[in-house]
């Protein structure tokens, strides 16, 4: 059996640096291969645009057109 001694200060510093260098997210890649990280602000802006442009579907679009015609 081999016994390994690890210096926790060195191990933690190495692990922390690796975690900082790790990419945890998404990016938009253009036609030239340039990556633009997707930020929370970009997501909030997109959601806001969707919210502002959404309209409640009509009865016909919901599939209830036959009920509205029966009245």
PDB file of N, CA and C in Angstrom:
ATOM      1  N   UNK A   1       0.847  -1.186   0.000  1.00  0.00           N
ATOM      2  CA  UNK A   1       0.000   0.000   0.000  1.00  0.00           C
ATOM      3  C   UNK A   1       0.887   1.242   0.000  1.00  0.00           C
ATOM      4  N   UNK A   2       0.531   2.216  -0.827  1.00  0.00           N
ATOM      5  CA  UNK A   2       1.275   3.467  -0.907  1.00  0.00           C
ATOM      6  C   UNK A   2       0.510   4.531  -0.147  1.00  0.00           C
ATOM      7  N   UNK A   3       1.203   5.194   0.735  1.00  0.00           N
ATOM      8  CA  UNK A   3       0.592   6.266   1.516  1.00  0.00           C
ATOM      9  C   UNK A   3       0.951   7.598   0.865  1.00  0.00           C
ATOM     10  N   UNK A   4      -0.061   8.420   0.582  1.00  0.00           N
ATOM     11  CA  UNK A   4       0.166   9.711  -0.055  1.00  0.00           C
ATOM     12  C   UNK A   4      -0.157  10.826   0.927  1.00  0.00           C
ATOM     13  N   UNK A   5       0.763  11.761   1.049  1.00  0.00           N
ATOM     14  CA  UNK A   5       0.556  12.910   1.917  1.00  0.00           C
ATOM     15  C   UNK A   5       0.252  14.110   1.016  1.00  0.00           C
ATOM     16  N   UNK A   6      -0.830  14.801   1.321  1.00  0.00           N
ATOM     17  CA  UNK A   6      -1.256  15.937   0.510  1.00  0.00           C
ATOM     18  C   UNK A   6      -1.287  17.182   1.377  1.00  0.00           C
ATOM     19  N   UNK A   7      -0.704  18.244   0.878  1.00  0.00           N
ATOM     20  CA  UNK A   7      -0.768  19.532   1.558  1.00  0.00           C
ATOM     21  C   UNK A   7      -2.089  20.183   1.161  1.00  0.00           C
ATOM     22  N   UNK A   8      -3.022  20.320   2.082  1.00  0.00           N
ATOM     23  CA  UNK A   8      -4.362  20.827   1.775  1.00  0.00           C
ATOM     24  C   UNK A   8      -4.337  22.274   1.274  1.00  0.00           C
ATOM     25  N   UNK A   9      -3.382  23.093   1.751  1.00  0.00           N
ATOM     26  CA  UNK A   9      -3.310  24.481   1.270  1.00  0.00           C
ATOM     27  C   UNK A   9      -2.975  24.508  -0.216  1.00  0.00           C
ATOM     28  N   UNK A  10      -2.049  23.665  -0.630  1.00  0.00           N
ATOM     29  CA  UNK A  10      -1.681  23.596  -2.040  1.00  0.00           C
ATOM     30  C   UNK A  10      -2.816  23.015  -2.865  1.00  0.00           C
ATOM     31  N   UNK A  11      -3.441  21.979  -2.367  1.00  0.00           N
ATOM     32  CA  UNK A  11      -4.545  21.337  -3.079  1.00  0.00           C
ATOM     33  C   UNK A  11      -5.704  22.310  -3.262  1.00  0.00           C
ATOM     34  N   UNK A  12      -6.081  23.023  -2.217  1.00  0.00           N
ATOM     35  CA  UNK A  12      -7.189  23.983  -2.307  1.00  0.00           C
ATOM     36  C   UNK A  12      -6.875  25.121  -3.270  1.00  0.00           C
ATOM     37  N   UNK A  13      -5.658  25.614  -3.271  1.00  0.00           N
ATOM     38  CA  UNK A  13      -5.283  26.699  -4.177  1.00  0.00           C
ATOM     39  C   UNK A  13      -5.350  26.230  -5.624  1.00  0.00           C
ATOM     40  N   UNK A  14      -4.887  25.014  -5.875  1.00  0.00           N
ATOM     41  CA  UNK A  14      -4.931  24.453  -7.226  1.00  0.00           C
ATOM     42  C   UNK A  14      -6.366  24.227  -7.666  1.00  0.00           C
ATOM     43  N   UNK A  15      -7.183  23.692  -6.775  1.00  0.00           N
ATOM     44  CA  UNK A  15      -8.592  23.443  -7.094  1.00  0.00           C
ATOM     45  C   UNK A  15      -9.330  24.752  -7.345  1.00  0.00           C
ATOM     46  N   UNK A  16      -9.097  25.750  -6.514  1.00  0.00           N
ATOM     47  CA  UNK A  16      -9.765  27.047  -6.682  1.00  0.00           C
ATOM     48  C   UNK A  16      -9.387  27.702  -8.000  1.00  0.00           C
ATOM     49  N   UNK A  17      -8.117  27.624  -8.387  1.00  0.00           N
ATOM     50  CA  UNK A  17      -7.682  28.218  -9.654  1.00  0.00           C
ATOM     51  C   UNK A  17      -8.331  27.488 -10.822  1.00  0.00           C
ATOM     52  N   UNK A  18      -8.415  26.155 -10.750  1.00  0.00           N
ATOM     53  CA  UNK A  18      -9.047  25.371 -11.817  1.00  0.00           C
ATOM     54  C   UNK A  18     -10.526  25.723 -11.921  1.00  0.00           C
ATOM     55  N   UNK A  19     -11.188  25.915 -10.790  1.00  0.00           N
ATOM     56  CA  UNK A  19     -12.608  26.264 -10.788  1.00  0.00           C
ATOM     57  C   UNK A  19     -12.829  27.644 -11.411  1.00  0.00           C
ATOM     58  N   UNK A  20     -11.913  28.587 -11.167  1.00  0.00           N
ATOM     59  CA  UNK A  20     -12.035  29.929 -11.740  1.00  0.00           C
ATOM     60  C   UNK A  20     -11.863  29.900 -13.257  1.00  0.00           C
ATOM     61  N   UNK A  21     -10.993  29.013 -13.743  1.00  0.00           N
ATOM     62  CA  UNK A  21     -10.723  28.929 -15.169  1.00  0.00           C
ATOM     63  C   UNK A  21     -11.777  28.132 -15.926  1.00  0.00           C
ATOM     64  N   UNK A  22     -12.633  27.437 -15.204  1.00  0.00           N
ATOM     65  CA  UNK A  22     -13.635  26.594 -15.851  1.00  0.00           C
ATOM     66  C   UNK A  22     -14.809  27.451 -16.312  1.00  0.00           C
ATOM     67  N   UNK A  23     -15.241  27.220 -17.539  1.00  0.00           N
ATOM     68  CA  UNK A  23     -16.365  27.968 -18.104  1.00  0.00           C
ATOM     69  C   UNK A  23     -17.658  27.254 -17.728  1.00  0.00           C
ATOM     70  N   UNK A  24     -18.554  27.945 -17.063  1.00  0.00           N
ATOM     71  CA  UNK A  24     -19.844  27.374 -16.656  1.00  0.00           C
ATOM     72  C   UNK A  24     -20.964  28.233 -17.203  1.00  0.00           C
ATOM     73  N   UNK A  25     -21.259  28.087 -18.458  1.00  0.00           N
ATOM     74  CA  UNK A  25     -22.311  28.894 -19.036  1.00  0.00           C
ATOM     75  C   UNK A  25     -22.442  28.638 -20.520  1.00  0.00           C
ATOM     76  N   UNK A  26     -23.103  29.557 -21.190  1.00  0.00           N
ATOM     77  CA  UNK A  26     -23.305  29.437 -22.623  1.00  0.00           C
ATOM     78  C   UNK A  26     -22.688  30.611 -23.342  1.00  0.00           C
ATOM     79  N   UNK A  27     -22.520  30.443 -24.634  1.00  0.00           N
ATOM     80  CA  UNK A  27     -21.949  31.515 -25.436  1.00  0.00           C
ATOM     81  C   UNK A  27     -22.587  31.511 -26.810  1.00  0.00           C
ATOM     82  N   UNK A  28     -22.601  32.666 -27.418  1.00  0.00           N
ATOM     83  CA  UNK A  28     -23.039  32.809 -28.801  1.00  0.00           C
ATOM     84  C   UNK A  28     -21.762  32.772 -29.639  1.00  0.00           C
ATOM     85  N   UNK A  29     -21.741  31.920 -30.647  1.00  0.00           N
ATOM     86  CA  UNK A  29     -20.571  31.798 -31.509  1.00  0.00           C
ATOM     87  C   UNK A  29     -20.933  32.354 -32.888  1.00  0.00           C
ATOM     88  N   UNK A  30     -20.168  33.343 -33.342  1.00  0.00           N
ATOM     89  CA  UNK A  30     -20.461  33.922 -34.652  1.00  0.00           C
ATOM     90  C   UNK A  30     -19.802  33.103 -35.768  1.00  0.00           C
ATOM     91  N   UNK A  31     -19.982  33.549 -37.009  1.00  0.00           N
ATOM     92  CA  UNK A  31     -19.490  32.791 -38.162  1.00  0.00           C
ATOM     93  C   UNK A  31     -17.969  32.711 -38.223  1.00  0.00           C
ATOM     94  N   UNK A  32     -17.272  33.551 -37.440  1.00  0.00           N
ATOM     95  CA  UNK A  32     -15.810  33.541 -37.425  1.00  0.00           C
ATOM     96  C   UNK A  32     -15.260  32.744 -36.246  1.00  0.00           C
ATOM     97  N   UNK A  33     -16.160  32.166 -35.445  1.00  0.00           N
ATOM     98  CA  UNK A  33     -15.739  31.375 -34.292  1.00  0.00           C
ATOM     99  C   UNK A  33     -15.515  32.186 -33.032  1.00  0.00           C
ATOM    100  N   UNK A  34     -15.852  33.466 -33.062  1.00  0.00           N
ATOM    101  CA  UNK A  34     -15.719  34.302 -31.862  1.00  0.00           C
ATOM    102  C   UNK A  34     -16.845  33.987 -30.896  1.00  0.00           C
ATOM    103  N   UNK A  35     -16.482  33.801 -29.647  1.00  0.00           N
ATOM    104  CA  UNK A  35     -17.476  33.481 -28.616  1.00  0.00           C
ATOM    105  C   UNK A  35     -17.812  34.722 -27.801  1.00  0.00           C
ATOM    106  N   UNK A  36     -19.111  34.936 -27.599  1.00  0.00           N
ATOM    107  CA  UNK A  36     -19.586  35.996 -26.719  1.00  0.00           C
ATOM    108  C   UNK A  36     -20.376  35.327 -25.598  1.00  0.00           C
ATOM    109  N   UNK A  37     -19.859  35.385 -24.359  1.00  0.00           N
ATOM    110  CA  UNK A  37     -20.581  34.744 -23.253  1.00  0.00           C
ATOM    111  C   UNK A  37     -21.985  35.332 -23.086  1.00  0.00           C
ATOM    112  N   UNK A  38     -22.945  34.464 -22.802  1.00  0.00           N
ATOM    113  CA  UNK A  38     -24.320  34.899 -22.566  1.00  0.00           C
ATOM    114  C   UNK A  38     -24.418  35.333 -21.108  1.00  0.00           C
ATOM    115  N   UNK A  39     -24.851  36.570 -20.901  1.00  0.00           N
ATOM    116  CA  UNK A  39     -24.935  37.121 -19.548  1.00  0.00           C
ATOM    117  C   UNK A  39     -26.376  37.072 -19.036  1.00  0.00           C
ATOM    118  N   UNK A  40     -26.514  37.256 -17.755  1.00  0.00           N
ATOM    119  CA  UNK A  40     -27.848  37.301 -17.153  1.00  0.00           C
ATOM    120  C   UNK A  40     -28.642  38.471 -17.717  1.00  0.00           C
ATOM    121  N   UNK A  41     -27.979  39.586 -17.964  1.00  0.00           N
ATOM    122  CA  UNK A  41     -28.654  40.753 -18.534  1.00  0.00           C
ATOM    123  C   UNK A  41     -29.228  40.427 -19.910  1.00  0.00           C
ATOM    124  N   UNK A  42     -28.476  39.688 -20.718  1.00  0.00           N
ATOM    125  CA  UNK A  42     -28.959  39.297 -22.044  1.00  0.00           C
ATOM    126  C   UNK A  42     -30.205  38.420 -21.931  1.00  0.00           C
ATOM    127  N   UNK A  43     -30.203  37.489 -20.996  1.00  0.00           N
ATOM    128  CA  UNK A  43     -31.345  36.593 -20.796  1.00  0.00           C
ATOM    129  C   UNK A  43     -32.558  37.377 -20.312  1.00  0.00           C
ATOM    130  N   UNK A  44     -32.350  38.281 -19.350  1.00  0.00           N
ATOM    131  CA  UNK A  44     -33.459  39.091 -18.845  1.00  0.00           C
ATOM    132  C   UNK A  44     -34.049  39.969 -19.958  1.00  0.00           C
ATOM    133  N   UNK A  45     -33.202  40.507 -20.807  1.00  0.00           N
ATOM    134  CA  UNK A  45     -33.672  41.339 -21.921  1.00  0.00           C
ATOM    135  C   UNK A  45     -34.518  40.509 -22.884  1.00  0.00           C
ATOM    136  N   UNK A  46     -34.044  39.308 -23.221  1.00  0.00           N
ATOM    137  CA  UNK A  46     -34.792  38.435 -24.132  1.00  0.00           C
ATOM    138  C   UNK A  46     -36.136  38.038 -23.533  1.00  0.00           C
ATOM    139  N   UNK A  47     -36.146  37.718 -22.250  1.00  0.00           N
ATOM    140  CA  UNK A  47     -37.406  37.347 -21.591  1.00  0.00           C
ATOM    141  C   UNK A  47     -38.369  38.526 -21.555  1.00  0.00           C
ATOM    142  N   UNK A  48     -37.841  39.718 -21.343  1.00  0.00           N
ATOM    143  CA  UNK A  48     -38.675  40.920 -21.324  1.00  0.00           C
ATOM    144  C   UNK A  48     -39.305  41.158 -22.693  1.00  0.00           C
ATOM    145  N   UNK A  49     -38.527  40.987 -23.757  1.00  0.00           N
ATOM    146  CA  UNK A  49     -39.069  41.153 -25.111  1.00  0.00           C
ATOM    147  C   UNK A  49     -40.175  40.135 -25.379  1.00  0.00           C
ATOM    148  N   UNK A  50     -39.967  38.898 -24.954  1.00  0.00           N
ATOM    149  CA  UNK A  50     -40.991  37.869 -25.145  1.00  0.00           C
ATOM    150  C   UNK A  50     -42.261  38.204 -24.364  1.00  0.00           C
ATOM    151  N   UNK A  51     -42.095  38.637 -23.130  1.00  0.00           N
ATOM    152  CA  UNK A  51     -43.239  38.991 -22.291  1.00  0.00           C
ATOM    153  C   UNK A  51     -44.036  40.131 -22.909  1.00  0.00           C
ATOM    154  N   UNK A  52     -43.331  41.135 -23.401  1.00  0.00           N
ATOM    155  CA  UNK A  52     -43.997  42.300 -23.981  1.00  0.00           C
ATOM    156  C   UNK A  52     -44.702  41.981 -25.296  1.00  0.00           C
ATOM    157  N   UNK A  53     -44.199  40.998 -26.041  1.00  0.00           N
ATOM    158  CA  UNK A  53     -44.780  40.704 -27.357  1.00  0.00           C
ATOM    159  C   UNK A  53     -45.839  39.600 -27.318  1.00  0.00           C
ATOM    160  N   UNK A  54     -45.997  38.931 -26.180  1.00  0.00           N
ATOM    161  CA  UNK A  54     -46.934  37.808 -26.097  1.00  0.00           C
ATOM    162  C   UNK A  54     -48.373  38.307 -26.029  1.00  0.00           C
ATOM    163  N   UNK A  55     -49.233  37.659 -26.784  1.00  0.00           N
ATOM    164  CA  UNK A  55     -50.666  37.982 -26.757  1.00  0.00           C
ATOM    165  C   UNK A  55     -51.418  36.701 -26.448  1.00  0.00           C
ATOM    166  N   UNK A  56     -52.495  36.823 -25.679  1.00  0.00           N
ATOM    167  CA  UNK A  56     -53.302  35.656 -25.329  1.00  0.00           C
ATOM    168  C   UNK A  56     -53.945  35.112 -26.601  1.00  0.00           C
ATOM    169  N   UNK A  57     -53.857  33.802 -26.825  1.00  0.00           N
ATOM    170  CA  UNK A  57     -54.428  33.228 -28.054  1.00  0.00           C
ATOM    171  C   UNK A  57     -55.948  33.376 -28.099  1.00  0.00           C
ATOM    172  N   UNK A  58     -56.463  33.502 -29.312  1.00  0.00           N
ATOM    173  CA  UNK A  58     -57.908  33.580 -29.487  1.00  0.00           C
ATOM    174  C   UNK A  58     -58.524  32.207 -29.227  1.00  0.00           C
ATOM    175  N   UNK A  59     -59.837  32.160 -29.142  1.00  0.00           N
ATOM    176  CA  UNK A  59     -60.535  30.880 -28.927  1.00  0.00           C
ATOM    177  C   UNK A  59     -60.212  29.915 -30.066  1.00  0.00           C
ATOM    178  N   UNK A  60     -60.170  30.438 -31.295  1.00  0.00           N
ATOM    179  CA  UNK A  60     -59.889  29.587 -32.445  1.00  0.00           C
ATOM    180  C   UNK A  60     -58.469  29.017 -32.362  1.00  0.00           C
ATOM    181  N   UNK A  61     -57.502  29.842 -31.980  1.00  0.00           N
ATOM    182  CA  UNK A  61     -56.123  29.388 -31.853  1.00  0.00           C
ATOM    183  C   UNK A  61     -55.973  28.362 -30.733  1.00  0.00           C
ATOM    184  N   UNK A  62     -56.827  28.448 -29.726  1.00  0.00           N
ATOM    185  CA  UNK A  62     -56.780  27.498 -28.624  1.00  0.00           C
ATOM    186  C   UNK A  62     -57.474  26.186 -28.973  1.00  0.00           C
ATOM    187  N   UNK A  63     -58.174  26.159 -30.112  1.00  0.00           N
ATOM    188  CA  UNK A  63     -58.879  24.951 -30.490  1.00  0.00           C
ATOM    189  C   UNK A  63     -60.301  24.926 -30.002  1.00  0.00           C
ATOM    190  N   UNK A  64     -60.795  26.065 -29.499  1.00  0.00           N
ATOM    191  CA  UNK A  64     -62.171  26.143 -29.009  1.00  0.00           C
ATOM    192  C   UNK A  64     -63.063  26.922 -29.958  1.00  0.00           C
ATOM    193  N   UNK A  65     -62.651  27.062 -31.193  1.00  0.00           N
ATOM    194  CA  UNK A  65     -63.418  27.825 -32.178  1.00  0.00           C
ATOM    195  C   UNK A  65     -64.825  27.287 -32.368  1.00  0.00           C
ATOM    196  N   UNK A  66     -64.964  25.965 -32.276  1.00  0.00           N
ATOM    197  CA  UNK A  66     -66.302  25.366 -32.472  1.00  0.00           C
ATOM    198  C   UNK A  66     -67.259  25.762 -31.356  1.00  0.00           C
ATOM    199  N   UNK A  67     -66.755  26.022 -30.169  1.00  0.00           N
ATOM    200  CA  UNK A  67     -67.598  26.440 -29.041  1.00  0.00           C
ATOM    201  C   UNK A  67     -68.078  27.869 -29.263  1.00  0.00           C
ATOM    202  N   UNK A  68     -67.179  28.742 -29.710  1.00  0.00           N
ATOM    203  CA  UNK A  68     -67.540  30.133 -29.957  1.00  0.00           C
ATOM    204  C   UNK A  68     -68.576  30.229 -31.092  1.00  0.00           C
ATOM    205  N   UNK A  69     -68.489  29.349 -32.074  1.00  0.00           N
ATOM    206  CA  UNK A  69     -69.446  29.370 -33.177  1.00  0.00           C
ATOM    207  C   UNK A  69     -70.814  28.853 -32.751  1.00  0.00           C
ATOM    208  N   UNK A  70     -70.880  28.017 -31.731  1.00  0.00           N
ATOM    209  CA  UNK A  70     -72.130  27.438 -31.306  1.00  0.00           C
ATOM    210  C   UNK A  70     -73.005  28.439 -30.561  1.00  0.00           C
ATOM    211  N   UNK A  71     -72.458  29.515 -30.132  1.00  0.00           N
ATOM    212  CA  UNK A  71     -73.243  30.478 -29.359  1.00  0.00           C
ATOM    213  C   UNK A  71     -74.181  31.246 -30.175  1.00  0.00           C
TER     214      UNK A  71
END
